[in-house]
N, C-alpha and C. Protein backbone atom coordinates (compact mmCIF):
# COMPACT_ATOMS: atom_id res chain seq x y z
N MET A 1 -22.52 4.53 -23.28
CA MET A 1 -21.81 3.51 -24.02
C MET A 1 -20.31 3.69 -23.76
N LEU A 2 -19.68 2.63 -23.33
CA LEU A 2 -18.25 2.69 -23.03
C LEU A 2 -17.42 2.80 -24.30
N LYS A 3 -16.38 3.56 -24.21
CA LYS A 3 -15.43 3.71 -25.31
C LYS A 3 -14.13 3.05 -24.89
N ASP A 4 -13.65 2.11 -25.70
CA ASP A 4 -12.42 1.40 -25.39
C ASP A 4 -11.20 2.25 -25.69
N VAL A 5 -10.19 2.09 -24.84
CA VAL A 5 -8.87 2.67 -25.10
C VAL A 5 -8.22 1.79 -26.17
N VAL A 6 -7.68 2.41 -27.21
CA VAL A 6 -7.02 1.64 -28.27
C VAL A 6 -5.52 1.86 -28.33
N SER A 7 -5.02 2.94 -27.71
CA SER A 7 -3.57 3.11 -27.63
C SER A 7 -3.21 3.93 -26.40
N VAL A 8 -2.01 3.66 -25.89
CA VAL A 8 -1.52 4.37 -24.71
C VAL A 8 -0.03 4.62 -24.87
N GLU A 9 0.39 5.79 -24.43
CA GLU A 9 1.81 6.14 -24.44
C GLU A 9 2.13 6.81 -23.10
N PRO A 10 3.07 6.24 -22.32
CA PRO A 10 3.45 6.90 -21.07
C PRO A 10 4.24 8.17 -21.36
N LEU A 11 3.95 9.23 -20.60
CA LEU A 11 4.62 10.52 -20.75
C LEU A 11 5.36 10.84 -19.46
N GLU A 12 5.97 12.03 -19.42
CA GLU A 12 6.67 12.46 -18.21
C GLU A 12 5.71 12.53 -17.03
N GLY A 13 6.27 12.46 -15.85
CA GLY A 13 5.44 12.45 -14.66
C GLY A 13 4.63 11.17 -14.64
N TYR A 14 3.40 11.28 -14.29
CA TYR A 14 2.52 10.11 -14.27
C TYR A 14 1.37 10.30 -15.26
N ARG A 15 1.72 10.85 -16.41
CA ARG A 15 0.70 11.12 -17.43
C ARG A 15 0.71 10.04 -18.50
N LEU A 16 -0.47 9.81 -19.06
CA LEU A 16 -0.65 8.87 -20.16
C LEU A 16 -1.31 9.60 -21.31
N ARG A 17 -0.84 9.37 -22.51
CA ARG A 17 -1.51 9.86 -23.71
C ARG A 17 -2.38 8.71 -24.21
N LEU A 18 -3.68 8.95 -24.29
CA LEU A 18 -4.64 7.92 -24.64
C LEU A 18 -5.36 8.25 -25.94
N ARG A 19 -5.72 7.19 -26.66
CA ARG A 19 -6.59 7.33 -27.83
C ARG A 19 -7.70 6.30 -27.67
N PHE A 20 -8.92 6.73 -27.96
CA PHE A 20 -10.09 5.87 -27.81
C PHE A 20 -10.61 5.44 -29.18
N GLU A 21 -11.46 4.42 -29.16
CA GLU A 21 -11.97 3.84 -30.40
C GLU A 21 -12.74 4.83 -31.26
N ASP A 22 -13.29 5.89 -30.65
CA ASP A 22 -14.05 6.88 -31.44
C ASP A 22 -13.16 8.01 -31.95
N GLY A 23 -11.84 7.89 -31.71
CA GLY A 23 -10.90 8.90 -32.19
C GLY A 23 -10.54 9.96 -31.16
N ALA A 24 -11.28 10.03 -30.06
CA ALA A 24 -10.95 10.99 -29.01
C ALA A 24 -9.56 10.67 -28.47
N GLN A 25 -8.78 11.71 -28.20
CA GLN A 25 -7.46 11.48 -27.62
C GLN A 25 -7.07 12.63 -26.72
N GLY A 26 -6.20 12.32 -25.78
CA GLY A 26 -5.74 13.35 -24.86
C GLY A 26 -4.88 12.72 -23.78
N ASP A 27 -4.43 13.59 -22.87
CA ASP A 27 -3.54 13.16 -21.80
C ASP A 27 -4.30 13.12 -20.48
N VAL A 28 -3.92 12.14 -19.64
CA VAL A 28 -4.52 11.98 -18.32
C VAL A 28 -3.38 11.87 -17.31
N ASP A 29 -3.48 12.63 -16.22
CA ASP A 29 -2.51 12.55 -15.14
C ASP A 29 -3.01 11.52 -14.13
N VAL A 30 -2.39 10.34 -14.15
CA VAL A 30 -2.83 9.24 -13.28
C VAL A 30 -2.69 9.62 -11.81
N SER A 31 -1.70 10.45 -11.47
CA SER A 31 -1.50 10.82 -10.07
C SER A 31 -2.68 11.62 -9.51
N LYS A 32 -3.50 12.20 -10.38
CA LYS A 32 -4.69 12.93 -9.94
C LYS A 32 -5.91 12.03 -9.84
N LEU A 33 -5.79 10.81 -10.35
CA LEU A 33 -6.91 9.87 -10.32
C LEU A 33 -6.81 8.86 -9.19
N VAL A 34 -5.60 8.45 -8.85
CA VAL A 34 -5.41 7.40 -7.84
C VAL A 34 -4.32 7.81 -6.86
N GLY A 35 -4.48 7.32 -5.64
CA GLY A 35 -3.38 7.41 -4.68
C GLY A 35 -2.46 6.24 -4.95
N PHE A 36 -1.19 6.42 -4.79
CA PHE A 36 -0.26 5.32 -5.08
C PHE A 36 -0.15 4.41 -3.87
N VAL A 37 -1.27 3.75 -3.57
CA VAL A 37 -1.36 2.79 -2.48
C VAL A 37 -1.99 1.51 -3.02
N GLY A 38 -1.88 0.44 -2.25
CA GLY A 38 -2.46 -0.82 -2.68
C GLY A 38 -1.87 -1.27 -4.01
N VAL A 39 -2.74 -1.68 -4.92
CA VAL A 39 -2.29 -2.18 -6.22
C VAL A 39 -1.58 -1.09 -7.03
N PHE A 40 -1.88 0.18 -6.73
CA PHE A 40 -1.26 1.28 -7.47
C PHE A 40 0.10 1.72 -6.91
N ALA A 41 0.50 1.21 -5.74
CA ALA A 41 1.77 1.60 -5.12
C ALA A 41 2.96 1.33 -6.04
N ALA A 42 2.93 0.23 -6.75
CA ALA A 42 4.05 -0.14 -7.62
C ALA A 42 4.24 0.86 -8.76
N LEU A 43 3.19 1.63 -9.09
CA LEU A 43 3.28 2.55 -10.22
C LEU A 43 4.13 3.77 -9.92
N ARG A 44 4.48 3.98 -8.64
CA ARG A 44 5.41 5.07 -8.31
C ARG A 44 6.74 4.87 -9.03
N ASP A 45 7.12 3.61 -9.23
CA ASP A 45 8.36 3.30 -9.93
C ASP A 45 8.17 3.57 -11.43
N ARG A 46 9.02 4.43 -11.99
CA ARG A 46 8.86 4.84 -13.40
C ARG A 46 8.90 3.64 -14.36
N SER A 47 9.77 2.68 -14.10
CA SER A 47 9.84 1.55 -15.03
C SER A 47 8.54 0.74 -15.00
N THR A 48 7.94 0.61 -13.83
CA THR A 48 6.65 -0.09 -13.74
C THR A 48 5.56 0.74 -14.40
N PHE A 49 5.52 2.04 -14.11
CA PHE A 49 4.51 2.91 -14.71
C PHE A 49 4.60 2.87 -16.23
N SER A 50 5.83 2.89 -16.76
CA SER A 50 6.04 2.91 -18.21
C SER A 50 5.71 1.59 -18.88
N ALA A 51 5.49 0.53 -18.09
CA ALA A 51 5.14 -0.78 -18.66
C ALA A 51 3.66 -0.89 -18.97
N VAL A 52 2.95 0.24 -18.94
CA VAL A 52 1.51 0.26 -19.23
C VAL A 52 1.25 -0.25 -20.65
N ARG A 53 0.10 -0.90 -20.81
CA ARG A 53 -0.31 -1.37 -22.14
C ARG A 53 -1.84 -1.39 -22.20
N VAL A 54 -2.36 -1.53 -23.40
CA VAL A 54 -3.80 -1.65 -23.57
C VAL A 54 -4.16 -3.14 -23.55
N ASP A 55 -5.15 -3.47 -22.75
CA ASP A 55 -5.72 -4.83 -22.77
C ASP A 55 -6.97 -4.76 -23.64
N PRO A 56 -6.91 -5.32 -24.85
CA PRO A 56 -8.06 -5.20 -25.76
C PRO A 56 -9.32 -5.87 -25.25
N GLU A 57 -9.20 -6.89 -24.41
CA GLU A 57 -10.39 -7.54 -23.87
C GLU A 57 -11.09 -6.66 -22.84
N LEU A 58 -10.30 -5.95 -22.04
CA LEU A 58 -10.87 -5.05 -21.03
C LEU A 58 -11.19 -3.68 -21.61
N GLY A 59 -10.51 -3.31 -22.70
CA GLY A 59 -10.73 -2.01 -23.33
C GLY A 59 -10.14 -0.86 -22.54
N THR A 60 -9.11 -1.16 -21.74
CA THR A 60 -8.51 -0.11 -20.94
C THR A 60 -7.02 -0.38 -20.74
N VAL A 61 -6.38 0.52 -19.98
CA VAL A 61 -4.95 0.38 -19.72
C VAL A 61 -4.73 -0.52 -18.52
N VAL A 62 -3.67 -1.32 -18.60
CA VAL A 62 -3.31 -2.24 -17.52
C VAL A 62 -1.80 -2.20 -17.32
N TRP A 63 -1.40 -2.61 -16.11
CA TRP A 63 0.03 -2.72 -15.80
C TRP A 63 0.33 -4.17 -15.44
N PRO A 64 1.60 -4.56 -15.51
CA PRO A 64 1.97 -5.95 -15.25
C PRO A 64 1.54 -6.47 -13.87
N ASN A 65 1.39 -5.59 -12.88
CA ASN A 65 1.01 -6.05 -11.55
C ASN A 65 -0.50 -6.24 -11.39
N GLY A 66 -1.26 -6.02 -12.47
CA GLY A 66 -2.70 -6.23 -12.42
C GLY A 66 -3.51 -4.96 -12.22
N ALA A 67 -2.85 -3.82 -11.98
CA ALA A 67 -3.58 -2.56 -11.84
C ALA A 67 -4.20 -2.18 -13.17
N ASP A 68 -5.39 -1.60 -13.11
CA ASP A 68 -6.03 -1.07 -14.32
C ASP A 68 -6.88 0.13 -13.93
N LEU A 69 -7.31 0.86 -14.92
CA LEU A 69 -8.14 2.05 -14.69
C LEU A 69 -9.44 1.91 -15.47
N ASP A 70 -10.52 2.41 -14.90
CA ASP A 70 -11.84 2.35 -15.52
C ASP A 70 -11.82 3.18 -16.81
N PRO A 71 -12.14 2.56 -17.96
CA PRO A 71 -12.12 3.31 -19.21
C PRO A 71 -13.12 4.46 -19.24
N ALA A 72 -14.24 4.35 -18.51
CA ALA A 72 -15.22 5.45 -18.47
C ALA A 72 -14.63 6.67 -17.78
N VAL A 73 -13.86 6.45 -16.73
CA VAL A 73 -13.21 7.56 -16.02
C VAL A 73 -12.17 8.21 -16.92
N LEU A 74 -11.38 7.39 -17.61
CA LEU A 74 -10.37 7.93 -18.51
C LEU A 74 -11.01 8.73 -19.64
N TYR A 75 -12.08 8.21 -20.21
CA TYR A 75 -12.77 8.90 -21.31
C TYR A 75 -13.32 10.24 -20.83
N SER A 76 -13.89 10.25 -19.62
CA SER A 76 -14.41 11.48 -19.05
C SER A 76 -13.30 12.50 -18.84
N GLN A 77 -12.14 12.04 -18.37
CA GLN A 77 -11.00 12.94 -18.16
C GLN A 77 -10.53 13.56 -19.47
N VAL A 78 -10.50 12.76 -20.52
CA VAL A 78 -10.00 13.24 -21.82
C VAL A 78 -11.01 14.14 -22.52
N THR A 79 -12.28 13.80 -22.46
CA THR A 79 -13.28 14.51 -23.26
C THR A 79 -14.13 15.50 -22.47
N GLY A 80 -14.16 15.35 -21.16
CA GLY A 80 -15.05 16.17 -20.35
C GLY A 80 -16.47 15.64 -20.32
N ALA A 81 -16.70 14.49 -20.96
CA ALA A 81 -18.03 13.88 -20.97
C ALA A 81 -18.37 13.42 -19.55
N PRO A 82 -19.64 13.51 -19.16
CA PRO A 82 -20.02 13.03 -17.83
C PRO A 82 -19.85 11.52 -17.73
N LEU A 83 -19.57 11.06 -16.54
CA LEU A 83 -19.46 9.62 -16.32
C LEU A 83 -20.84 8.99 -16.48
N PRO A 84 -20.89 7.78 -17.02
CA PRO A 84 -22.19 7.10 -17.15
C PRO A 84 -22.85 6.97 -15.78
N GLY A 85 -24.10 7.35 -15.69
CA GLY A 85 -24.84 7.24 -14.44
C GLY A 85 -24.57 8.37 -13.46
N ALA A 86 -23.71 9.32 -13.84
CA ALA A 86 -23.42 10.43 -12.93
C ALA A 86 -24.66 11.32 -12.81
N ALA A 87 -24.94 11.75 -11.61
CA ALA A 87 -26.07 12.64 -11.40
C ALA A 87 -25.80 13.97 -12.08
N ARG A 88 -26.79 14.44 -12.77
CA ARG A 88 -26.62 15.73 -13.46
C ARG A 88 -27.13 16.83 -12.55
N SER A 89 -26.35 17.86 -12.42
CA SER A 89 -26.72 19.00 -11.59
C SER A 89 -27.62 19.94 -12.40
N HIS A 90 -28.63 20.48 -11.75
CA HIS A 90 -29.51 21.43 -12.41
C HIS A 90 -29.31 22.84 -11.89
N HIS A 91 -28.16 23.06 -11.22
CA HIS A 91 -27.86 24.39 -10.70
C HIS A 91 -27.36 25.28 -11.82
N ALA A 92 -27.73 26.55 -11.75
CA ALA A 92 -27.30 27.51 -12.77
C ALA A 92 -25.91 28.02 -12.46
């Protein structure tokens, strides 16, 4: 079940402080999730990166240029929860 992002605060570097609808919260380093190419290239600019906001219809963070991040990936980064549909390893 997807958890929507309900608040976002840009931090130093390329980090975001996120809060989800279930109360989970934490920081995510966007530079470790995406390469700054294509739609994400504009985010290298601090003023563009800092213009992040929550889109309540999408339930995730978006930027003015149309870039967005998968809320399931963000939730997994914050909580350590496995991604939906991720193969579970049975190795000890």
